[in-house]
Amino acid sequence: MGCFRKKKTLKEGGEYEDAALLNALKDLVSLIDTHQDELHSLLPALVAVDAVAEARTLQSRFLQLMDDTMKAIEAAWPPYICPYLIIGPLREIV
């Protein structure tokens, strides 16, 4: 149990830094996915009440967040591990 907890602790230079970073990114992607579902309903509602500028800003910032997250994933994911070669769900690697 202690090793599992250590793998989730993000400490720079720590033994499990890579695993903790991937786990933190996984949590972030999950949160973004949840908010994306909410935006799917929210953006048309904002437009319906003539809040087009706010909807546009929200969509633009969300797209920037997704872009930044993809860059973080590309920087953190080990280049020698191809995701399609991993057996089982990716959540099990950390």
C-alpha atoms as a PDB file:
ATOM      1  CA  MET A   1       0.000   0.000   0.000  1.00  0.00           C
ATOM      2  CA  GLY A   2       2.868   2.395   0.774  1.00  0.00           C
ATOM      3  CA  CYS A   3       4.401   1.958  -2.681  1.00  0.00           C
ATOM      4  CA  PHE A   4       1.059   2.775  -4.341  1.00  0.00           C
ATOM      5  CA  ARG A   5       0.793   5.994  -2.321  1.00  0.00           C
ATOM      6  CA  LYS A   6       4.373   6.932  -3.211  1.00  0.00           C
ATOM      7  CA  LYS A   7       3.611   6.486  -6.911  1.00  0.00           C
ATOM      8  CA  LYS A   8       0.862   9.101  -6.599  1.00  0.00           C
ATOM      9  CA  THR A   9       3.035  11.648  -4.743  1.00  0.00           C
ATOM     10  CA  LEU A  10       4.447  14.158  -7.209  1.00  0.00           C
ATOM     11  CA  LYS A  11       7.868  15.084  -5.859  1.00  0.00           C
ATOM     12  CA  GLU A  12      10.512  16.494  -8.176  1.00  0.00           C
ATOM     13  CA  GLY A  13      13.460  14.144  -8.379  1.00  0.00           C
ATOM     14  CA  GLY A  14      11.593  11.440  -6.495  1.00  0.00           C
ATOM     15  CA  GLU A  15      11.829   7.768  -7.365  1.00  0.00           C
ATOM     16  CA  TYR A  16       8.280   7.711  -8.727  1.00  0.00           C
ATOM     17  CA  GLU A  17       8.250  11.189 -10.290  1.00  0.00           C
ATOM     18  CA  ASP A  18       7.401   9.871 -13.772  1.00  0.00           C
ATOM     19  CA  ALA A  19       4.514   7.728 -12.558  1.00  0.00           C
ATOM     20  CA  ALA A  20       3.145  10.535 -10.378  1.00  0.00           C
ATOM     21  CA  LEU A  21       3.337  13.001 -13.261  1.00  0.00           C
ATOM     22  CA  LEU A  22       1.466  10.645 -15.585  1.00  0.00           C
ATOM     23  CA  ASN A  23      -1.121  10.058 -12.865  1.00  0.00           C
ATOM     24  CA  ALA A  24      -1.601  13.816 -12.353  1.00  0.00           C
ATOM     25  CA  LEU A  25      -2.024  14.270 -16.103  1.00  0.00           C
ATOM     26  CA  LYS A  26      -4.563  11.438 -16.166  1.00  0.00           C
ATOM     27  CA  ASP A  27      -6.563  13.189 -13.444  1.00  0.00           C
ATOM     28  CA  LEU A  28      -6.355  16.481 -15.343  1.00  0.00           C
ATOM     29  CA  VAL A  29      -7.550  14.894 -18.587  1.00  0.00           C
ATOM     30  CA  SER A  30     -10.453  13.283 -16.737  1.00  0.00           C
ATOM     31  CA  LEU A  31     -11.436  16.649 -15.251  1.00  0.00           C
ATOM     32  CA  ILE A  32     -11.170  18.360 -18.638  1.00  0.00           C
ATOM     33  CA  ASP A  33     -13.359  15.661 -20.168  1.00  0.00           C
ATOM     34  CA  THR A  34     -16.032  16.300 -17.534  1.00  0.00           C
ATOM     35  CA  HIS A  35     -15.943  20.043 -18.179  1.00  0.00           C
ATOM     36  CA  GLN A  36     -16.070  19.490 -21.925  1.00  0.00           C
ATOM     37  CA  ASP A  37     -19.373  17.667 -21.479  1.00  0.00           C
ATOM     38  CA  GLU A  38     -20.680  20.629 -19.457  1.00  0.00           C
ATOM     39  CA  LEU A  39     -19.536  23.102 -22.114  1.00  0.00           C
ATOM     40  CA  HIS A  40     -21.456  21.153 -24.725  1.00  0.00           C
ATOM     41  CA  SER A  41     -24.657  22.314 -23.011  1.00  0.00           C
ATOM     42  CA  LEU A  42     -23.443  25.658 -21.685  1.00  0.00           C
ATOM     43  CA  LEU A  43     -22.183  27.253 -24.901  1.00  0.00           C
ATOM     44  CA  PRO A  44     -25.505  27.062 -26.797  1.00  0.00           C
ATOM     45  CA  ALA A  45     -27.290  28.355 -23.685  1.00  0.00           C
ATOM     46  CA  LEU A  46     -24.956  31.368 -23.529  1.00  0.00           C
ATOM     47  CA  VAL A  47     -25.594  32.105 -27.193  1.00  0.00           C
ATOM     48  CA  ALA A  48     -29.359  31.777 -26.625  1.00  0.00           C
ATOM     49  CA  VAL A  49     -29.255  34.538 -23.985  1.00  0.00           C
ATOM     50  CA  ASP A  50     -27.143  36.752 -26.260  1.00  0.00           C
ATOM     51  CA  ALA A  51     -23.900  36.175 -24.334  1.00  0.00           C
ATOM     52  CA  VAL A  52     -22.004  35.419 -27.536  1.00  0.00           C
ATOM     53  CA  ALA A  53     -18.805  37.204 -26.476  1.00  0.00           C
ATOM     54  CA  GLU A  54     -18.690  35.238 -23.220  1.00  0.00           C
ATOM     55  CA  ALA A  55     -19.333  31.967 -25.062  1.00  0.00           C
ATOM     56  CA  ARG A  56     -16.585  32.761 -27.554  1.00  0.00           C
ATOM     57  CA  THR A  57     -14.115  33.619 -24.762  1.00  0.00           C
ATOM     58  CA  LEU A  58     -15.001  30.491 -22.803  1.00  0.00           C
ATOM     59  CA  GLN A  59     -14.611  28.280 -25.854  1.00  0.00           C
ATOM     60  CA  SER A  60     -11.301  29.911 -26.790  1.00  0.00           C
ATOM     61  CA  ARG A  61      -9.852  29.500 -23.294  1.00  0.00           C
ATOM     62  CA  PHE A  62     -11.026  25.917 -23.091  1.00  0.00           C
ATOM     63  CA  LEU A  63      -9.402  25.109 -26.432  1.00  0.00           C
ATOM     64  CA  GLN A  64      -6.170  26.688 -25.153  1.00  0.00           C
ATOM     65  CA  LEU A  65      -6.391  24.533 -22.009  1.00  0.00           C
ATOM     66  CA  MET A  66      -6.807  21.415 -24.139  1.00  0.00           C
ATOM     67  CA  ASP A  67      -3.864  22.429 -26.330  1.00  0.00           C
ATOM     68  CA  ASP A  68      -1.639  23.098 -23.301  1.00  0.00           C
ATOM     69  CA  THR A  69      -2.650  19.761 -21.790  1.00  0.00           C
ATOM     70  CA  MET A  70      -1.754  17.895 -24.984  1.00  0.00           C
ATOM     71  CA  LYS A  71       1.663  19.582 -24.973  1.00  0.00           C
ATOM     72  CA  ALA A  72       2.165  18.541 -21.336  1.00  0.00           C
ATOM     73  CA  ILE A  73       1.236  14.958 -22.180  1.00  0.00           C
ATOM     74  CA  GLU A  74       3.671  14.917 -25.105  1.00  0.00           C
ATOM     75  CA  ALA A  75       6.418  16.283 -22.842  1.00  0.00           C
ATOM     76  CA  ALA A  76       5.735  13.848 -19.986  1.00  0.00           C
ATOM     77  CA  TRP A  77       4.945  10.627 -21.854  1.00  0.00           C
ATOM     78  CA  PRO A  78       8.087   8.526 -22.281  1.00  0.00           C
ATOM     79  CA  PRO A  79       8.897   8.469 -26.018  1.00  0.00           C
ATOM     80  CA  TYR A  80       9.989   4.833 -25.852  1.00  0.00           C
ATOM     81  CA  ILE A  81       6.535   3.647 -24.700  1.00  0.00           C
ATOM     82  CA  CYS A  82       3.930   3.376 -27.435  1.00  0.00           C
ATOM     83  CA  PRO A  83       0.448   3.555 -25.863  1.00  0.00           C
ATOM     84  CA  TYR A  84      -0.946   0.984 -28.293  1.00  0.00           C
ATOM     85  CA  LEU A  85       1.586  -1.582 -27.032  1.00  0.00           C
ATOM     86  CA  ILE A  86       0.388  -1.351 -23.419  1.00  0.00           C
ATOM     87  CA  ILE A  87      -1.898  -4.203 -22.478  1.00  0.00           C
ATOM     88  CA  GLY A  88      -4.900  -3.187 -20.406  1.00  0.00           C
ATOM     89  CA  PRO A  89      -6.212   0.234 -19.452  1.00  0.00           C
ATOM     90  CA  LEU A  90      -3.691   3.059 -19.211  1.00  0.00           C
ATOM     91  CA  ARG A  91      -4.945   3.892 -15.715  1.00  0.00           C
ATOM     92  CA  GLU A  92      -3.288   0.703 -14.496  1.00  0.00           C
ATOM     93  CA  ILE A  93       0.252   1.836 -15.306  1.00  0.00           C
ATOM     94  CA  VAL A  94       0.422   4.168 -12.320  1.00  0.00           C
END
